[in-house]
């Protein structure tokens, strides 16, 4: 009867692969990303585990209107991108970035759901900062 055993090199290779996947998935949340909807109706920056929403006033100056800490943001990491879910003033905000290396206004979006269940979806124009 032959028994197969795992060699040390295959176990180390597997651990190295797991580490590589973890490093690449964590990089999506550490780099700063700035996103805006069409006509800059909604604008926010994802950086250092926080999401800061801002709004331009009549003079064109951007001011932070709310900032959410990482503890209240639920992040689901995908192969190349991520989805972040957070609540602001009772409204559920879901930010979806399909690929954090190649942003796309077709695949990246912000979805806002009201407490009554009405949902608005905005395409996002994102770039790294």
N, C-alpha and C. Protein backbone atom coordinates (compact mmCIF):
# COMPACT_ATOMS: atom_id res chain seq x y z
N UNK A 1 0.83 -1.16 0.00
CA UNK A 1 0.00 0.00 0.00
C UNK A 1 0.89 1.25 0.00
N UNK A 2 0.64 2.15 -0.96
CA UNK A 2 1.43 3.38 -1.05
C UNK A 2 0.69 4.51 -0.37
N UNK A 3 1.44 5.29 0.37
CA UNK A 3 0.86 6.47 1.00
C UNK A 3 1.50 7.71 0.40
N UNK A 4 0.65 8.68 0.10
CA UNK A 4 1.16 9.95 -0.43
C UNK A 4 1.26 10.94 0.72
N UNK A 5 2.33 11.66 0.76
CA UNK A 5 2.50 12.68 1.79
C UNK A 5 2.83 14.01 1.13
N UNK A 6 2.47 15.06 1.78
CA UNK A 6 2.76 16.39 1.26
C UNK A 6 4.22 16.72 1.54
N UNK A 7 4.88 17.20 0.52
CA UNK A 7 6.27 17.60 0.72
C UNK A 7 6.31 18.99 1.33
N UNK A 8 7.40 19.30 1.95
CA UNK A 8 7.56 20.61 2.58
C UNK A 8 7.50 21.72 1.53
N UNK A 9 8.06 21.47 0.36
CA UNK A 9 8.07 22.50 -0.68
C UNK A 9 6.64 22.80 -1.17
N UNK A 10 5.78 21.80 -1.28
CA UNK A 10 4.41 22.07 -1.73
C UNK A 10 3.61 22.82 -0.66
N UNK A 11 3.87 22.52 0.62
CA UNK A 11 3.20 23.24 1.69
C UNK A 11 3.66 24.70 1.71
N UNK A 12 4.96 24.93 1.56
CA UNK A 12 5.48 26.30 1.52
C UNK A 12 4.97 27.06 0.30
N UNK A 13 4.85 26.38 -0.83
CA UNK A 13 4.32 27.03 -2.03
C UNK A 13 2.87 27.45 -1.81
N UNK A 14 2.09 26.59 -1.18
CA UNK A 14 0.69 26.91 -0.89
C UNK A 14 0.59 28.10 0.07
N UNK A 15 1.40 28.13 1.11
CA UNK A 15 1.40 29.25 2.05
C UNK A 15 1.83 30.55 1.36
N UNK A 16 2.80 30.45 0.46
CA UNK A 16 3.24 31.62 -0.29
C UNK A 16 2.13 32.16 -1.19
N UNK A 17 1.37 31.26 -1.80
CA UNK A 17 0.24 31.67 -2.63
C UNK A 17 -0.83 32.37 -1.79
N UNK A 18 -1.12 31.82 -0.62
CA UNK A 18 -2.10 32.46 0.27
C UNK A 18 -1.64 33.85 0.69
N UNK A 19 -0.37 34.00 1.01
CA UNK A 19 0.17 35.30 1.40
C UNK A 19 0.07 36.30 0.25
N UNK A 20 0.37 35.86 -0.96
CA UNK A 20 0.29 36.73 -2.13
C UNK A 20 -1.13 37.21 -2.37
N UNK A 21 -2.09 36.31 -2.28
CA UNK A 21 -3.50 36.69 -2.47
C UNK A 21 -3.92 37.68 -1.40
N UNK A 22 -3.50 37.46 -0.16
CA UNK A 22 -3.86 38.37 0.92
C UNK A 22 -3.27 39.76 0.71
N UNK A 23 -2.03 39.84 0.28
CA UNK A 23 -1.38 41.13 0.06
C UNK A 23 -2.09 41.90 -1.04
N UNK A 24 -2.42 41.23 -2.16
CA UNK A 24 -3.09 41.92 -3.26
C UNK A 24 -4.51 42.32 -2.90
N UNK A 25 -5.22 41.53 -2.13
CA UNK A 25 -6.58 41.91 -1.75
C UNK A 25 -6.57 43.04 -0.72
N UNK A 26 -5.58 43.09 0.13
CA UNK A 26 -5.50 44.16 1.11
C UNK A 26 -5.09 45.49 0.48
N UNK A 27 -4.41 45.44 -0.67
CA UNK A 27 -3.96 46.68 -1.31
C UNK A 27 -5.12 47.52 -1.81
N UNK A 28 -6.26 46.90 -2.08
CA UNK A 28 -7.41 47.66 -2.56
C UNK A 28 -7.93 48.61 -1.51
N UNK A 29 -7.75 48.29 -0.26
CA UNK A 29 -8.28 49.15 0.79
C UNK A 29 -7.24 50.11 1.35
N UNK A 30 -5.96 49.98 1.00
CA UNK A 30 -4.95 50.85 1.56
C UNK A 30 -4.63 52.04 0.66
N UNK A 31 -4.76 51.90 -0.65
CA UNK A 31 -4.49 53.01 -1.55
C UNK A 31 -5.65 53.99 -1.50
N UNK A 32 -5.34 55.28 -1.66
CA UNK A 32 -6.39 56.28 -1.69
C UNK A 32 -7.10 56.28 -3.03
N UNK A 33 -8.43 56.31 -3.00
CA UNK A 33 -9.23 56.34 -4.21
C UNK A 33 -10.23 57.48 -4.08
N UNK A 34 -10.29 58.33 -5.10
CA UNK A 34 -11.28 59.40 -5.13
C UNK A 34 -12.31 59.07 -6.19
N UNK A 35 -13.59 59.16 -5.84
CA UNK A 35 -14.68 58.84 -6.77
C UNK A 35 -15.69 59.97 -6.79
N UNK A 36 -16.27 60.20 -7.98
CA UNK A 36 -17.33 61.20 -8.15
C UNK A 36 -18.40 60.61 -9.05
N UNK A 37 -19.64 61.02 -8.80
CA UNK A 37 -20.72 60.68 -9.71
C UNK A 37 -20.76 61.73 -10.80
N UNK A 38 -21.63 61.54 -11.78
CA UNK A 38 -21.77 62.51 -12.85
C UNK A 38 -22.15 63.87 -12.27
N UNK A 39 -21.58 64.92 -12.79
CA UNK A 39 -21.81 66.29 -12.35
C UNK A 39 -21.39 66.51 -10.89
N UNK A 40 -20.57 65.61 -10.35
CA UNK A 40 -20.04 65.70 -8.97
C UNK A 40 -21.15 65.85 -7.94
N UNK A 41 -22.30 65.23 -8.22
CA UNK A 41 -23.42 65.27 -7.27
C UNK A 41 -23.03 64.60 -5.96
N UNK A 42 -22.32 63.47 -6.05
CA UNK A 42 -21.78 62.77 -4.89
C UNK A 42 -20.28 62.63 -5.12
N UNK A 43 -19.51 62.87 -4.07
CA UNK A 43 -18.06 62.79 -4.17
C UNK A 43 -17.51 62.25 -2.86
N UNK A 44 -16.54 61.34 -2.94
CA UNK A 44 -15.96 60.79 -1.73
C UNK A 44 -14.54 60.29 -1.99
N UNK A 45 -13.81 60.13 -0.88
CA UNK A 45 -12.44 59.61 -0.92
C UNK A 45 -12.37 58.43 0.02
N UNK A 46 -11.82 57.33 -0.48
CA UNK A 46 -11.57 56.14 0.34
C UNK A 46 -10.07 56.12 0.62
N UNK A 47 -9.69 56.30 1.89
CA UNK A 47 -8.28 56.32 2.25
C UNK A 47 -8.12 55.99 3.73
N UNK A 48 -7.08 55.25 4.04
CA UNK A 48 -6.72 54.92 5.42
C UNK A 48 -7.89 54.28 6.19
N UNK A 49 -8.66 53.45 5.50
CA UNK A 49 -9.76 52.76 6.15
C UNK A 49 -10.98 53.62 6.40
N UNK A 50 -11.00 54.84 5.92
CA UNK A 50 -12.12 55.76 6.11
C UNK A 50 -12.72 56.12 4.76
N UNK A 51 -13.97 56.51 4.78
CA UNK A 51 -14.62 57.06 3.59
C UNK A 51 -15.11 58.45 3.97
N UNK A 52 -14.63 59.45 3.24
CA UNK A 52 -15.00 60.84 3.51
C UNK A 52 -15.81 61.37 2.33
N UNK A 53 -17.07 61.69 2.58
CA UNK A 53 -17.93 62.29 1.57
C UNK A 53 -17.74 63.80 1.60
N UNK A 54 -17.74 64.42 0.43
CA UNK A 54 -17.56 65.87 0.36
C UNK A 54 -18.57 66.46 -0.62
N UNK A 55 -18.71 67.77 -0.53
CA UNK A 55 -19.64 68.48 -1.41
C UNK A 55 -19.01 69.82 -1.76
N UNK A 56 -19.16 70.21 -3.04
CA UNK A 56 -18.65 71.51 -3.47
C UNK A 56 -19.67 72.58 -3.19
N UNK A 57 -19.20 73.72 -2.67
CA UNK A 57 -20.11 74.84 -2.47
C UNK A 57 -20.17 75.68 -3.75
N UNK A 58 -20.88 76.78 -3.72
CA UNK A 58 -21.05 77.62 -4.91
C UNK A 58 -19.74 78.19 -5.42
N UNK A 59 -18.76 78.35 -4.52
CA UNK A 59 -17.46 78.91 -4.92
C UNK A 59 -16.53 77.84 -5.49
N UNK A 60 -16.97 76.58 -5.50
CA UNK A 60 -16.14 75.50 -6.04
C UNK A 60 -15.21 74.88 -5.02
N UNK A 61 -15.38 75.23 -3.74
CA UNK A 61 -14.54 74.69 -2.68
C UNK A 61 -15.18 73.40 -2.17
N UNK A 62 -14.39 72.34 -2.11
CA UNK A 62 -14.89 71.05 -1.65
C UNK A 62 -14.75 70.95 -0.14
N UNK A 63 -15.84 70.64 0.54
CA UNK A 63 -15.85 70.52 2.00
C UNK A 63 -16.34 69.14 2.39
N UNK A 64 -15.71 68.57 3.41
CA UNK A 64 -16.13 67.27 3.90
C UNK A 64 -17.44 67.42 4.66
N UNK A 65 -18.45 66.62 4.25
CA UNK A 65 -19.74 66.71 4.93
C UNK A 65 -19.96 65.55 5.89
N UNK A 66 -19.27 64.44 5.67
CA UNK A 66 -19.34 63.32 6.62
C UNK A 66 -18.16 62.40 6.37
N UNK A 67 -17.74 61.75 7.43
CA UNK A 67 -16.63 60.82 7.35
C UNK A 67 -16.99 59.59 8.18
N UNK A 68 -16.76 58.43 7.62
CA UNK A 68 -17.13 57.19 8.29
C UNK A 68 -15.86 56.39 8.55
N UNK A 69 -15.68 55.96 9.80
CA UNK A 69 -14.49 55.20 10.19
C UNK A 69 -14.61 53.75 9.73
N UNK A 70 -13.47 53.08 9.67
CA UNK A 70 -13.41 51.70 9.17
C UNK A 70 -14.25 50.74 9.99
N UNK A 71 -14.45 51.02 11.28
CA UNK A 71 -15.20 50.11 12.13
C UNK A 71 -16.66 49.96 11.73
N UNK A 72 -17.22 50.96 11.06
CA UNK A 72 -18.61 50.88 10.66
C UNK A 72 -18.78 50.65 9.16
N UNK A 73 -17.71 50.27 8.49
CA UNK A 73 -17.75 49.97 7.05
C UNK A 73 -17.56 48.47 6.87
N UNK A 74 -18.48 47.85 6.17
CA UNK A 74 -18.35 46.43 5.85
C UNK A 74 -17.72 46.32 4.47
N UNK A 75 -16.59 45.62 4.38
CA UNK A 75 -15.86 45.50 3.12
C UNK A 75 -15.86 44.05 2.66
N UNK A 76 -16.24 43.86 1.41
CA UNK A 76 -16.18 42.54 0.78
C UNK A 76 -15.16 42.65 -0.36
N UNK A 77 -14.04 41.97 -0.21
CA UNK A 77 -12.98 42.02 -1.20
C UNK A 77 -13.22 40.98 -2.28
N UNK A 78 -13.11 41.41 -3.52
CA UNK A 78 -13.28 40.52 -4.67
C UNK A 78 -11.90 40.24 -5.25
N UNK A 79 -11.88 39.53 -6.36
CA UNK A 79 -10.60 39.17 -6.99
C UNK A 79 -9.77 40.41 -7.30
N UNK A 80 -10.35 41.38 -7.98
CA UNK A 80 -9.60 42.58 -8.35
C UNK A 80 -10.14 43.86 -7.72
N UNK A 81 -11.31 43.80 -7.13
CA UNK A 81 -11.93 45.00 -6.59
C UNK A 81 -12.53 44.77 -5.22
N UNK A 82 -13.57 45.53 -4.90
CA UNK A 82 -14.18 45.44 -3.58
C UNK A 82 -15.58 46.05 -3.61
N UNK A 83 -16.35 45.72 -2.58
CA UNK A 83 -17.64 46.35 -2.31
C UNK A 83 -17.62 46.81 -0.87
N UNK A 84 -17.96 48.07 -0.64
CA UNK A 84 -18.01 48.61 0.72
C UNK A 84 -19.45 49.02 1.01
N UNK A 85 -19.94 48.64 2.19
CA UNK A 85 -21.30 48.96 2.60
C UNK A 85 -21.24 49.75 3.90
N UNK A 86 -21.96 50.88 3.95
CA UNK A 86 -21.98 51.71 5.13
C UNK A 86 -23.33 52.43 5.22
N UNK A 87 -23.65 52.92 6.39
CA UNK A 87 -24.90 53.64 6.63
C UNK A 87 -24.59 55.07 7.05
N UNK A 88 -25.27 56.02 6.40
CA UNK A 88 -25.15 57.44 6.75
C UNK A 88 -26.57 57.99 6.86
N UNK A 89 -26.91 58.50 8.02
CA UNK A 89 -28.24 59.08 8.27
C UNK A 89 -29.37 58.12 7.90
N UNK A 90 -29.18 56.84 8.15
CA UNK A 90 -30.21 55.85 7.86
C UNK A 90 -30.23 55.36 6.43
N UNK A 91 -29.43 55.94 5.56
CA UNK A 91 -29.36 55.52 4.17
C UNK A 91 -28.22 54.53 3.99
N UNK A 92 -28.49 53.44 3.30
CA UNK A 92 -27.48 52.42 3.03
C UNK A 92 -26.72 52.81 1.77
N UNK A 93 -25.41 52.96 1.89
CA UNK A 93 -24.54 53.28 0.76
C UNK A 93 -23.71 52.04 0.42
N UNK A 94 -23.77 51.63 -0.83
CA UNK A 94 -22.96 50.49 -1.29
C UNK A 94 -22.08 50.98 -2.43
N UNK A 95 -20.77 50.92 -2.20
CA UNK A 95 -19.78 51.34 -3.19
C UNK A 95 -19.18 50.09 -3.80
N UNK A 96 -19.29 49.95 -5.11
CA UNK A 96 -18.75 48.78 -5.80
C UNK A 96 -17.68 49.24 -6.80
N UNK A 97 -16.47 48.74 -6.62
CA UNK A 97 -15.38 48.98 -7.56
C UNK A 97 -14.97 47.61 -8.09
N UNK A 98 -15.19 47.38 -9.36
CA UNK A 98 -14.94 46.07 -9.96
C UNK A 98 -13.45 45.75 -10.04
N UNK A 99 -12.63 46.73 -10.42
CA UNK A 99 -11.20 46.51 -10.55
C UNK A 99 -10.49 47.77 -10.05
N UNK A 100 -9.76 47.65 -8.95
CA UNK A 100 -9.13 48.83 -8.36
C UNK A 100 -7.86 49.26 -9.10
N UNK A 101 -7.44 48.51 -10.10
CA UNK A 101 -6.28 48.91 -10.92
C UNK A 101 -6.72 49.60 -12.20
N UNK A 102 -7.91 49.24 -12.71
CA UNK A 102 -8.46 49.84 -13.92
C UNK A 102 -9.91 50.24 -13.64
N UNK A 103 -10.12 51.49 -13.29
CA UNK A 103 -11.45 51.97 -12.94
C UNK A 103 -12.31 52.09 -14.19
N UNK A 104 -13.61 51.90 -14.03
CA UNK A 104 -14.54 51.94 -15.15
C UNK A 104 -15.85 52.57 -14.70
N UNK A 105 -16.31 53.59 -15.42
CA UNK A 105 -17.60 54.19 -15.06
C UNK A 105 -18.77 53.30 -15.46
N UNK A 106 -18.51 52.21 -16.16
CA UNK A 106 -19.54 51.24 -16.51
C UNK A 106 -19.72 50.21 -15.38
N UNK A 107 -18.62 49.75 -14.79
CA UNK A 107 -18.67 48.69 -13.79
C UNK A 107 -18.62 49.19 -12.35
N UNK A 108 -18.20 50.42 -12.12
CA UNK A 108 -18.09 50.96 -10.76
C UNK A 108 -19.32 51.82 -10.48
N UNK A 109 -19.91 51.66 -9.29
CA UNK A 109 -21.12 52.40 -8.99
C UNK A 109 -21.30 52.63 -7.50
N UNK A 110 -22.13 53.61 -7.18
CA UNK A 110 -22.58 53.92 -5.83
C UNK A 110 -24.08 53.70 -5.82
N UNK A 111 -24.54 52.86 -4.91
CA UNK A 111 -25.97 52.59 -4.77
C UNK A 111 -26.41 53.08 -3.39
N UNK A 112 -27.45 53.93 -3.36
CA UNK A 112 -27.96 54.48 -2.10
C UNK A 112 -29.41 54.02 -1.94
N UNK A 113 -29.68 53.34 -0.81
CA UNK A 113 -31.02 52.85 -0.53
C UNK A 113 -31.59 53.61 0.67
N UNK A 114 -32.79 54.15 0.50
CA UNK A 114 -33.44 54.91 1.58
C UNK A 114 -34.01 53.93 2.60
N UNK A 115 -34.36 54.43 3.79
CA UNK A 115 -34.98 53.56 4.79
C UNK A 115 -36.29 52.93 4.31
N UNK A 116 -36.98 53.58 3.35
CA UNK A 116 -38.22 53.03 2.80
C UNK A 116 -37.97 52.02 1.69
N UNK A 117 -36.72 51.84 1.29
CA UNK A 117 -36.38 50.84 0.28
C UNK A 117 -36.18 51.37 -1.13
N UNK A 118 -36.28 52.69 -1.33
CA UNK A 118 -36.05 53.26 -2.66
C UNK A 118 -34.55 53.30 -2.92
N UNK A 119 -34.16 52.87 -4.10
CA UNK A 119 -32.73 52.76 -4.42
C UNK A 119 -32.37 53.62 -5.62
N UNK A 120 -31.27 54.36 -5.50
CA UNK A 120 -30.71 55.14 -6.60
C UNK A 120 -29.29 54.62 -6.84
N UNK A 121 -28.97 54.40 -8.10
CA UNK A 121 -27.64 53.91 -8.46
C UNK A 121 -26.96 54.95 -9.35
N UNK A 122 -25.71 55.29 -9.00
CA UNK A 122 -24.94 56.30 -9.73
C UNK A 122 -23.67 55.65 -10.27
N UNK A 123 -23.36 55.82 -11.56
CA UNK A 123 -22.06 55.37 -12.05
C UNK A 123 -20.97 56.25 -11.45
N UNK A 124 -19.81 55.64 -11.19
CA UNK A 124 -18.70 56.36 -10.56
C UNK A 124 -17.55 56.56 -11.53
N UNK A 125 -16.93 57.71 -11.40
CA UNK A 125 -15.69 58.01 -12.10
C UNK A 125 -14.61 58.09 -11.01
N UNK A 126 -13.76 57.06 -10.93
CA UNK A 126 -12.77 56.97 -9.84
C UNK A 126 -11.35 57.08 -10.39
N UNK A 127 -10.44 57.48 -9.53
CA UNK A 127 -9.01 57.48 -9.83
C UNK A 127 -8.21 57.38 -8.53
N UNK A 128 -7.00 56.91 -8.62
CA UNK A 128 -6.13 56.80 -7.44
C UNK A 128 -5.58 58.17 -7.08
N UNK A 129 -5.42 58.37 -5.78
CA UNK A 129 -4.83 59.64 -5.30
C UNK A 129 -3.55 59.36 -4.58
